[in-house]
Protein backbone atom coordinates (compact mmCIF):
# COMPACT_ATOMS: atom_id res chain seq x y z
CA UNK A 1 7.99 -125.17 -53.47
CA UNK A 2 9.90 -128.19 -52.18
CA UNK A 3 10.30 -131.36 -54.21
CA UNK A 4 8.13 -133.41 -51.85
CA UNK A 5 5.32 -130.85 -51.91
CA UNK A 6 5.38 -130.93 -55.71
CA UNK A 7 5.12 -134.71 -55.72
CA UNK A 8 2.03 -134.87 -53.50
CA UNK A 9 0.23 -131.66 -54.53
CA UNK A 10 -2.30 -133.63 -56.62
CA UNK A 11 -2.76 -136.55 -54.22
CA UNK A 12 -6.09 -137.07 -52.44
CA UNK A 13 -5.98 -139.26 -49.30
CA UNK A 14 -8.88 -141.56 -48.42
CA UNK A 15 -8.71 -143.24 -45.00
CA UNK A 16 -10.92 -146.31 -44.59
CA UNK A 17 -12.45 -146.34 -41.13
CA UNK A 18 -13.21 -150.05 -41.22
CA UNK A 19 -16.38 -151.94 -40.48
CA UNK A 20 -18.08 -152.62 -37.17
CA UNK A 21 -14.71 -153.43 -35.56
CA UNK A 22 -15.88 -156.77 -34.16
CA UNK A 23 -12.31 -157.95 -33.50
CA UNK A 24 -11.72 -154.86 -31.32
CA UNK A 25 -15.03 -155.19 -29.49
CA UNK A 26 -15.85 -154.05 -26.77
CA UNK A 27 -13.55 -151.07 -27.41
CA UNK A 28 -15.69 -150.38 -30.49
CA UNK A 29 -19.02 -150.71 -28.67
CA UNK A 30 -19.49 -146.92 -28.43
CA UNK A 31 -16.97 -145.61 -30.98
CA UNK A 32 -15.71 -146.17 -34.51
CA UNK A 33 -12.51 -148.17 -34.81
CA UNK A 34 -10.37 -145.14 -35.84
CA UNK A 35 -11.56 -143.34 -32.68
CA UNK A 36 -10.15 -145.97 -30.30
CA UNK A 37 -7.58 -144.29 -27.96
CA UNK A 38 -3.93 -145.33 -28.19
CA UNK A 39 -0.74 -144.42 -26.29
CA UNK A 40 -2.59 -142.53 -23.57
CA UNK A 41 -3.53 -139.36 -25.46
CA UNK A 42 -3.94 -140.21 -29.16
CA UNK A 43 -6.53 -142.02 -31.25
CA UNK A 44 -5.89 -144.53 -34.04
CA UNK A 45 -7.00 -142.05 -36.70
CA UNK A 46 -4.15 -139.72 -35.65
CA UNK A 47 -1.61 -142.12 -37.17
CA UNK A 48 -2.63 -141.98 -40.88
CA UNK A 49 -3.71 -138.32 -40.63
CA UNK A 50 -0.35 -137.34 -39.12
CA UNK A 51 1.51 -139.35 -41.77
CA UNK A 52 -0.44 -137.41 -44.41
CA UNK A 53 0.32 -134.02 -42.84
CA UNK A 54 4.02 -134.89 -42.44
CA UNK A 55 4.02 -135.91 -46.12
CA UNK A 56 2.43 -132.56 -47.12
CA UNK A 57 -0.86 -134.21 -48.11
CA UNK A 58 -3.62 -131.96 -46.80
CA UNK A 59 -6.77 -133.18 -48.57
CA UNK A 60 -7.95 -136.06 -46.42
CA UNK A 61 -11.29 -137.89 -46.31
CA UNK A 62 -12.18 -140.48 -43.65
CA UNK A 63 -14.87 -143.04 -44.58
CA UNK A 64 -16.85 -144.63 -41.76
CA UNK A 65 -20.32 -145.90 -40.98
CA UNK A 66 -20.33 -147.14 -37.38
CA UNK A 67 -20.49 -145.04 -34.17
CA UNK A 68 -18.88 -142.04 -35.86
CA UNK A 69 -19.95 -139.34 -33.35
CA UNK A 70 -16.74 -139.37 -31.26
CA UNK A 71 -14.62 -139.65 -34.44
CA UNK A 72 -16.36 -136.58 -35.90
CA UNK A 73 -15.82 -134.66 -32.66
CA UNK A 74 -12.14 -135.58 -32.44
CA UNK A 75 -11.35 -134.69 -36.06
CA UNK A 76 -13.21 -131.36 -35.93
CA UNK A 77 -11.27 -130.36 -32.79
CA UNK A 78 -7.86 -131.69 -33.83
CA UNK A 79 -7.54 -130.89 -37.54
CA UNK A 80 -8.87 -127.49 -38.49
CA UNK A 81 -6.90 -126.00 -41.40
CA UNK A 82 -8.37 -122.49 -41.27
CA UNK A 83 -5.43 -120.38 -42.45
CA UNK A 84 -7.22 -119.20 -45.59
CA UNK A 85 -4.17 -120.08 -47.70
CA UNK A 86 -4.78 -123.78 -48.16
CA UNK A 87 -7.47 -126.09 -49.47
CA UNK A 88 -6.54 -128.56 -46.75
CA UNK A 89 -9.15 -130.45 -44.74
CA UNK A 90 -9.79 -133.63 -42.79
CA UNK A 91 -13.42 -134.59 -43.30
CA UNK A 92 -15.47 -137.59 -42.19
CA UNK A 93 -17.78 -139.12 -44.79
CA UNK A 94 -20.36 -141.39 -43.16
CA UNK A 95 -22.30 -144.02 -45.06
CA UNK A 96 -25.53 -142.67 -46.46
CA UNK A 97 -28.46 -144.09 -48.40
CA UNK A 98 -29.33 -142.45 -51.71
CA UNK A 99 -31.64 -143.42 -54.60
CA UNK A 100 -28.56 -144.63 -56.51
CA UNK A 101 -27.07 -146.44 -53.47
CA UNK A 102 -29.80 -147.71 -51.13
CA UNK A 103 -27.31 -149.83 -49.14
CA UNK A 104 -24.72 -149.03 -46.49
CA UNK A 105 -21.04 -149.60 -47.29
CA UNK A 106 -20.56 -153.26 -48.23
CA UNK A 107 -16.76 -153.19 -48.06
CA UNK A 108 -13.68 -151.02 -48.61
CA UNK A 109 -14.07 -150.73 -52.39
CA UNK A 110 -17.82 -150.17 -52.14
CA UNK A 111 -17.26 -147.33 -49.66
CA UNK A 112 -14.93 -145.57 -52.11
CA UNK A 113 -17.29 -146.31 -55.01
CA UNK A 114 -20.23 -144.66 -53.26
CA UNK A 115 -18.28 -141.41 -52.80
CA UNK A 116 -16.41 -141.52 -56.11
CA UNK A 117 -18.47 -138.60 -57.42
CA UNK A 118 -17.08 -136.43 -54.62
CA UNK A 119 -13.46 -137.54 -55.00
CA UNK A 120 -13.58 -136.80 -58.74
CA UNK A 121 -14.45 -133.17 -58.05
CA UNK A 122 -10.85 -132.63 -56.89
CA UNK A 123 -8.06 -132.16 -59.40
CA UNK A 124 -6.15 -135.22 -58.17
CA UNK A 125 -3.82 -137.41 -60.22
CA UNK A 126 -3.62 -140.15 -57.57
CA UNK A 127 -5.81 -141.48 -54.81
CA UNK A 128 -3.98 -142.66 -51.70
CA UNK A 129 -6.09 -145.34 -49.95
CA UNK A 130 -5.14 -145.83 -46.29
CA UNK A 131 -6.30 -147.93 -43.35
CA UNK A 132 -7.44 -146.41 -40.07
CA UNK A 133 -6.18 -149.10 -37.69
CA UNK A 134 -2.42 -149.44 -38.28
CA UNK A 135 0.51 -148.14 -36.24
CA UNK A 136 3.48 -147.00 -38.36
CA UNK A 137 5.26 -143.88 -39.61
CA UNK A 138 5.64 -143.44 -43.37
CA UNK A 139 6.53 -140.65 -45.78
CA UNK A 140 3.85 -141.09 -48.42
CA UNK A 141 5.89 -138.89 -50.77
CA UNK A 142 8.28 -141.83 -51.28
CA UNK A 143 5.29 -144.11 -51.86
CA UNK A 144 3.87 -141.80 -54.56
CA UNK A 145 7.32 -141.32 -56.13
CA UNK A 146 7.75 -145.08 -56.55
CA UNK A 147 4.26 -145.26 -58.06
CA UNK A 148 5.11 -142.63 -60.69
CA UNK A 149 8.60 -143.91 -61.47
CA UNK A 150 7.30 -147.38 -62.33
CA UNK A 151 4.35 -146.05 -64.36
CA UNK A 152 2.05 -148.12 -62.17
CA UNK A 153 -1.73 -148.10 -62.30
CA UNK A 154 -1.80 -149.34 -58.71
CA UNK A 155 1.03 -149.50 -56.17
CA UNK A 156 0.64 -151.61 -53.03
CA UNK A 157 2.75 -150.97 -49.97
CA UNK A 158 4.23 -154.22 -48.66
CA UNK A 159 6.30 -155.30 -45.68
CA UNK A 160 9.01 -158.00 -45.77
CA UNK A 161 7.99 -161.09 -43.84
CA UNK A 162 9.89 -164.04 -42.39
CA UNK A 163 8.77 -167.66 -42.69
CA UNK A 164 7.36 -167.81 -39.16
CA UNK A 165 4.76 -165.06 -39.61
CA UNK A 166 4.15 -165.16 -43.37
CA UNK A 167 1.19 -167.57 -43.26
CA UNK A 168 -0.82 -165.07 -41.18
CA UNK A 169 -0.92 -162.54 -44.03
CA UNK A 170 -2.02 -162.08 -47.60
CA UNK A 171 1.17 -162.58 -49.63
CA UNK A 172 2.17 -161.42 -53.10
CA UNK A 173 4.61 -162.56 -55.73
CA UNK A 174 6.57 -160.18 -57.95
CA UNK A 175 8.57 -160.53 -61.16
CA UNK A 176 12.05 -159.12 -61.79
CA UNK A 177 10.62 -155.66 -62.50
CA UNK A 178 8.79 -155.54 -59.19
CA UNK A 179 5.39 -156.06 -60.82
CA UNK A 180 2.89 -158.08 -58.79
CA UNK A 181 1.90 -161.26 -60.62
CA UNK A 182 0.26 -163.48 -58.00
CA UNK A 183 -1.64 -163.39 -54.70
CA UNK A 184 -2.25 -165.91 -51.93
CA UNK A 185 -4.31 -165.37 -48.76
CA UNK A 186 -2.64 -166.90 -45.67
CA UNK A 187 -0.96 -169.80 -47.50
CA UNK A 188 0.37 -172.87 -45.70
CA UNK A 189 2.90 -175.59 -46.52
CA UNK A 190 3.84 -175.90 -50.20
CA UNK A 191 1.58 -173.00 -51.11
CA UNK A 192 3.57 -170.81 -48.72
CA UNK A 193 6.93 -171.93 -50.15
CA UNK A 194 5.69 -171.08 -53.65
CA UNK A 195 5.16 -167.44 -52.61
CA UNK A 196 8.82 -166.80 -51.76
CA UNK A 197 10.36 -163.95 -53.78
CA UNK A 198 13.71 -162.23 -54.22
CA UNK A 199 13.13 -159.16 -52.03
CA UNK A 200 16.44 -157.61 -53.11
CA UNK A 201 14.43 -156.42 -56.15
CA UNK A 202 12.60 -154.05 -53.80
CA UNK A 203 15.72 -152.81 -52.03
CA UNK A 204 16.60 -155.29 -49.26
CA UNK A 205 20.18 -156.40 -48.79
CA UNK A 206 20.96 -160.05 -49.60
CA UNK A 207 21.16 -160.80 -45.86
CA UNK A 208 17.78 -159.18 -45.18
CA UNK A 209 16.25 -160.88 -48.21
CA UNK A 210 17.33 -164.29 -46.93
CA UNK A 211 15.65 -163.66 -43.56
CA UNK A 212 12.47 -162.24 -45.12
CA UNK A 213 11.71 -163.97 -48.44
CA UNK A 214 8.01 -163.03 -48.48
CA UNK A 215 6.12 -159.77 -48.95
CA UNK A 216 2.79 -159.08 -47.24
CA UNK A 217 0.28 -156.40 -48.15
CA UNK A 218 -0.15 -153.52 -45.69
CA UNK A 219 -3.60 -152.85 -47.11
CA UNK A 220 -2.67 -149.37 -48.34
CA UNK A 221 -2.58 -148.37 -52.01
CA UNK A 222 -1.85 -145.59 -54.49
CA UNK A 223 -4.24 -145.64 -57.46
CA UNK A 224 -3.86 -143.70 -60.65
CA UNK A 225 -7.06 -141.71 -60.91
CA UNK A 226 -8.24 -143.28 -64.17
CA UNK A 227 -7.41 -146.81 -62.97
CA UNK A 228 -9.48 -146.51 -59.78
CA UNK A 229 -12.49 -145.05 -61.57
CA UNK A 230 -12.43 -147.73 -64.27
CA UNK A 231 -11.91 -150.63 -61.86
CA UNK A 232 -14.78 -149.59 -59.58
CA UNK A 233 -17.13 -149.09 -62.52
CA UNK A 234 -16.12 -152.20 -64.50
CA UNK A 235 -16.57 -154.47 -61.47
CA UNK A 236 -19.65 -153.07 -59.68
CA UNK A 237 -20.25 -156.27 -57.69
CA UNK A 238 -16.75 -156.37 -56.19
CA UNK A 239 -16.87 -154.70 -52.77
CA UNK A 240 -13.40 -155.21 -51.25
CA UNK A 241 -10.01 -153.93 -52.39
CA UNK A 242 -7.71 -156.54 -50.87
CA UNK A 243 -9.75 -159.65 -51.65
CA UNK A 244 -11.37 -158.69 -54.95
CA UNK A 245 -10.42 -155.48 -56.79
CA UNK A 246 -6.64 -155.81 -56.39
CA UNK A 247 -6.38 -159.49 -57.47
CA UNK A 248 -8.74 -158.87 -60.40
CA UNK A 249 -6.65 -155.94 -61.62
CA UNK A 250 -3.37 -157.87 -61.74
CA UNK A 251 -4.06 -159.29 -65.21
CA UNK A 252 -4.71 -156.09 -67.17
CA UNK A 253 -3.15 -153.38 -65.00
CA UNK A 254 0.41 -152.55 -63.95
CA UNK A 255 0.47 -153.44 -60.23
CA UNK A 256 3.70 -152.54 -58.44
CA UNK A 257 4.99 -153.22 -54.91
CA UNK A 258 6.52 -150.54 -52.69
CA UNK A 259 8.64 -151.98 -49.88
CA UNK A 260 8.19 -150.46 -46.42
CA UNK A 261 10.99 -151.86 -44.27
CA UNK A 262 10.14 -150.36 -40.89
CA UNK A 263 7.83 -150.91 -37.93
CA UNK A 264 4.23 -151.64 -38.92
CA UNK A 265 1.53 -153.22 -36.79
CA UNK A 266 -2.03 -154.05 -37.72
CA UNK A 267 -3.77 -153.45 -34.39
CA UNK A 268 -7.16 -154.82 -35.35
CA UNK A 269 -7.51 -157.29 -32.45
CA UNK A 270 -7.64 -156.77 -28.69
CA UNK A 271 -4.40 -158.72 -28.16
CA UNK A 272 -2.49 -156.83 -30.90
CA UNK A 273 -3.87 -153.51 -29.61
CA UNK A 274 -2.82 -154.34 -26.04
CA UNK A 275 0.66 -155.51 -27.07
CA UNK A 276 1.27 -152.45 -29.29
CA UNK A 277 0.36 -150.07 -26.46
CA UNK A 278 2.53 -151.74 -23.81
CA UNK A 279 5.45 -152.06 -26.27
CA UNK A 280 5.64 -148.25 -26.19
CA UNK A 281 7.03 -148.47 -22.63
CA UNK A 282 10.11 -150.46 -23.69
CA UNK A 283 13.52 -148.97 -23.09
CA UNK A 284 15.85 -147.85 -24.47
CA UNK A 285 14.35 -148.33 -27.97
CA UNK A 286 10.64 -149.13 -28.27
CA UNK A 287 9.58 -150.54 -31.66
CA UNK A 288 7.57 -147.36 -32.33
CA UNK A 289 8.24 -143.95 -30.83
CA UNK A 290 6.03 -140.89 -30.47
CA UNK A 291 9.16 -138.81 -29.75
CA UNK A 292 10.12 -137.98 -33.33
CA UNK A 293 10.32 -134.22 -33.86
CA UNK A 294 10.76 -134.56 -37.62
CA UNK A 295 7.54 -136.55 -38.05
CA UNK A 296 5.32 -135.91 -35.00
CA UNK A 297 1.99 -137.60 -34.38
CA UNK A 298 -0.66 -134.93 -33.98
CA UNK A 299 -3.81 -135.02 -31.89
CA UNK A 300 -6.33 -132.76 -30.23
CA UNK A 301 -4.94 -130.13 -27.84
CA UNK A 302 -6.65 -130.43 -24.47
CA UNK A 303 -4.80 -127.82 -22.36
CA UNK A 304 -4.71 -130.17 -19.36
CA UNK A 305 -2.70 -129.53 -16.19
CA UNK A 306 0.50 -131.56 -15.65
CA UNK A 307 0.20 -134.90 -13.93
CA UNK A 308 0.53 -135.07 -10.16
CA UNK A 309 2.34 -138.07 -8.62
CA UNK A 310 2.18 -138.21 -4.84
CA UNK A 311 4.59 -140.72 -3.28
CA UNK A 312 4.31 -143.22 -6.16
CA UNK A 313 6.53 -145.97 -7.52
CA UNK A 314 6.50 -145.83 -11.35
CA UNK A 315 8.50 -148.26 -13.54
CA UNK A 316 8.56 -148.63 -17.35
CA UNK A 317 5.32 -146.72 -17.81
CA UNK A 318 3.76 -143.84 -19.73
CA UNK A 319 1.74 -141.31 -17.72
CA UNK A 320 -0.32 -138.89 -19.82
CA UNK A 321 -1.13 -135.34 -18.82
CA UNK A 322 -3.79 -134.42 -16.28
CA UNK A 323 -3.39 -137.55 -14.13
CA UNK A 324 -3.53 -137.73 -10.32
CA UNK A 325 -1.74 -140.70 -8.71
CA UNK A 326 -1.46 -141.22 -4.95
CA UNK A 327 0.86 -143.58 -3.09
CA UNK A 328 0.53 -146.35 -5.69
CA UNK A 329 2.70 -148.71 -7.72
CA UNK A 330 2.54 -148.63 -11.54
CA UNK A 331 4.63 -151.08 -13.59
CA UNK A 332 4.83 -151.60 -17.38
CA UNK A 333 1.58 -149.73 -17.99
CA UNK A 334 0.12 -146.85 -20.02
CA UNK A 335 -2.15 -144.33 -18.27
CA UNK A 336 -4.34 -142.09 -20.42
CA UNK A 337 -5.38 -138.48 -19.86
CA UNK A 338 -7.06 -137.61 -16.54
CA UNK A 339 -6.36 -141.06 -15.07
CA UNK A 340 -6.99 -141.24 -11.34
CA UNK A 341 -5.30 -143.92 -9.19
CA UNK A 342 -5.87 -143.89 -5.43
CA UNK A 343 -3.54 -144.92 -2.60
CA UNK A 344 -2.52 -148.52 -2.11
CA UNK A 345 -3.18 -149.53 -5.73
CA UNK A 346 -1.01 -151.88 -7.76
CA UNK A 347 -1.20 -151.48 -11.56
CA UNK A 348 0.80 -153.92 -13.70
CA UNK A 349 0.85 -154.66 -17.45
CA UNK A 350 -2.26 -152.54 -17.93
CA UNK A 351 -3.64 -149.92 -20.29
CA UNK A 352 -5.84 -147.35 -18.53
CA UNK A 353 -7.49 -145.05 -21.07
CA UNK A 354 -8.34 -142.36 -18.54
CA UNK A 355 -11.38 -140.08 -18.54
CA UNK A 356 -13.12 -137.49 -20.71
CA UNK A 357 -13.75 -135.13 -17.79
CA UNK A 358 -12.92 -134.42 -14.16
CA UNK A 359 -15.39 -134.85 -11.36
CA UNK A 360 -15.93 -131.84 -9.06
CA UNK A 361 -13.22 -131.55 -6.39
CA UNK A 362 -11.03 -133.94 -8.38
CA UNK A 363 -8.08 -133.52 -6.02
CA UNK A 364 -9.94 -134.01 -2.76
CA UNK A 365 -11.01 -137.65 -2.75
CA UNK A 366 -9.94 -139.60 0.34
CA UNK A 367 -9.79 -143.19 1.45
CA UNK A 368 -13.08 -142.66 3.29
CA UNK A 369 -14.77 -142.62 -0.13
CA UNK A 370 -14.56 -146.41 -0.01
CA UNK A 371 -17.43 -146.39 2.49
CA UNK A 372 -19.67 -144.55 0.02
CA UNK A 373 -22.01 -146.14 -2.48
CA UNK A 374 -20.97 -143.47 -5.02
CA UNK A 375 -17.89 -144.84 -6.76
CA UNK A 376 -15.85 -141.98 -8.30
CA UNK A 377 -14.06 -141.98 -11.66
CA UNK A 378 -10.77 -143.85 -11.69
CA UNK A 379 -9.19 -146.67 -9.72
CA UNK A 380 -10.28 -146.88 -6.04
CA UNK A 381 -7.95 -147.41 -3.08
CA UNK A 382 -6.18 -150.74 -2.48
CA UNK A 383 -7.17 -152.12 -5.89
CA UNK A 384 -4.99 -154.49 -7.93
CA UNK A 385 -5.13 -154.47 -11.76
CA UNK A 386 -3.01 -156.83 -13.89
CA UNK A 387 -3.03 -157.54 -17.64
CA UNK A 388 -6.09 -155.46 -18.37
CA UNK A 389 -7.52 -152.66 -20.50
CA UNK A 390 -9.63 -150.15 -18.58
CA UNK A 391 -11.71 -148.13 -21.04
CA UNK A 392 -12.56 -144.45 -20.54
CA UNK A 393 -14.67 -143.11 -17.66
CA UNK A 394 -14.66 -146.45 -15.83
CA UNK A 395 -15.34 -146.34 -12.10
CA UNK A 396 -13.40 -149.04 -10.29
CA UNK A 397 -14.24 -149.36 -6.58
CA UNK A 398 -11.95 -149.95 -3.62
CA UNK A 399 -10.34 -153.33 -2.82
CA UNK A 400 -11.11 -154.60 -6.32
CA UNK A 401 -8.96 -157.29 -7.93
CA UNK A 402 -8.89 -157.35 -11.74
CA UNK A 403 -6.46 -160.22 -12.17
CA UNK A 404 -8.31 -162.87 -14.22
CA UNK A 405 -8.01 -165.19 -11.25
CA UNK A 406 -9.40 -168.22 -13.13
CA UNK A 407 -7.08 -167.69 -16.14
CA UNK A 408 -10.03 -167.46 -18.52
CA UNK A 409 -9.13 -166.89 -22.18
CA UNK A 410 -12.49 -165.69 -23.53
CA UNK A 411 -15.59 -164.44 -21.68
CA UNK A 412 -18.47 -162.03 -22.20
CA UNK A 413 -19.73 -160.42 -19.01
CA UNK A 414 -21.25 -157.25 -20.42
CA UNK A 415 -23.86 -157.06 -17.67
CA UNK A 416 -21.01 -157.07 -15.13
CA UNK A 417 -19.04 -154.41 -17.02
CA UNK A 418 -16.22 -156.43 -18.60
CA UNK A 419 -15.10 -158.87 -21.29
CA UNK A 420 -12.08 -161.17 -21.45
CA UNK A 421 -10.25 -161.40 -24.77
CA UNK A 422 -7.10 -163.55 -25.20
CA UNK A 423 -6.78 -163.61 -21.40
CA UNK A 424 -6.91 -159.80 -21.21
CA UNK A 425 -9.66 -158.31 -19.03
CA UNK A 426 -11.36 -155.40 -20.84
CA UNK A 427 -13.45 -153.15 -18.59
CA UNK A 428 -16.09 -151.35 -20.65
CA UNK A 429 -16.34 -147.61 -21.13
CA UNK A 430 -18.50 -145.90 -18.44
CA UNK A 431 -18.85 -149.14 -16.47
CA UNK A 432 -18.90 -149.39 -12.67
CA UNK A 433 -17.06 -152.15 -10.79
CA UNK A 434 -18.30 -152.33 -7.21
CA UNK A 435 -16.09 -152.30 -4.10
CA UNK A 436 -14.51 -155.67 -3.31
CA UNK A 437 -15.18 -157.24 -6.71
CA UNK A 438 -12.78 -159.99 -7.87
CA UNK A 439 -12.47 -160.64 -11.59
């Protein structure tokens, strides 16, 4: 048995699926936040689950209560540990009403509290609490090792932060032993300056510490089993980890910080989600890469045919499998599985999530289809799409312009099949945009 496997053998992972996902709406209209597609072929939940698998943590629960059908389906198809030699599993736990708990989940801590009876059935020394809407790659074995070496009751993973971005996050202050002694939520001015710490204590070089004198919580934690049980039972009215349980515990418990000095992005808003996806097309070194053989990101196997590109001009883009593109121009964009783009189209700075299925005779559509009232899946001929997110199974007609022509920052046009968030046009899942429409 390897050293890492020994470290994490008694670790139980709990992934928090988040609430209603209002900041990611309308992408969360028909799906839970962890089920939102990313990078063409993955879903957000694949990130923490893959990090767990790569860290040899195979007991994984996912807590959710909103629109969990597609999340259930994805997890059951993607993560099925049926070798007979492991207790491994990835299981969704939806909110449920019981005589003891007549309410739905009221927050992150309340969600864990309601299922504490189940978590305690496992012989786990630590509970690893993760978020379902972050993009990063981490070896949780190092996280757990730091937790044990410091004798911590709770260890919080933190990222170094420069002065410019620090006020957008919940910050923490540490003493010379790395113990967390103070918290401040999005401080400004003098309050921000007071939260500066010596980050060399956590392993940064003096040069790095000077550039990043603050530490921000990633919202992921390792709890000693006894500490989590006692905290949730001693403070039954506290429903959130980050805002309530963690600050309360600082006085009587040993809270330690674990520094994660690598790419991490909280993609909880439409703008952050859009930027994180398009950043994947950067060359030669995108901020996050899915091309790491030592720590791959796993997802459901679909057994799709290779993509077909017929006389196309593709620049700085990601094209997923099963796509059909004809005589079109695609620039700085991400195209999801089974995407269909017809001739004469221009796609720029856009995320197209693709489709869940093919229509009959998928390869035979022609330009004459533009004369039909039946708009097929995909992007119709001679359409222009710029700075947009096209959700799954959308049917965009011919000669459509999705360009935000009036430079609108925020708009809700659900009856017309789209929203605008931070100037980004978001076409809803399953929506139909008629021929000749200008957005």
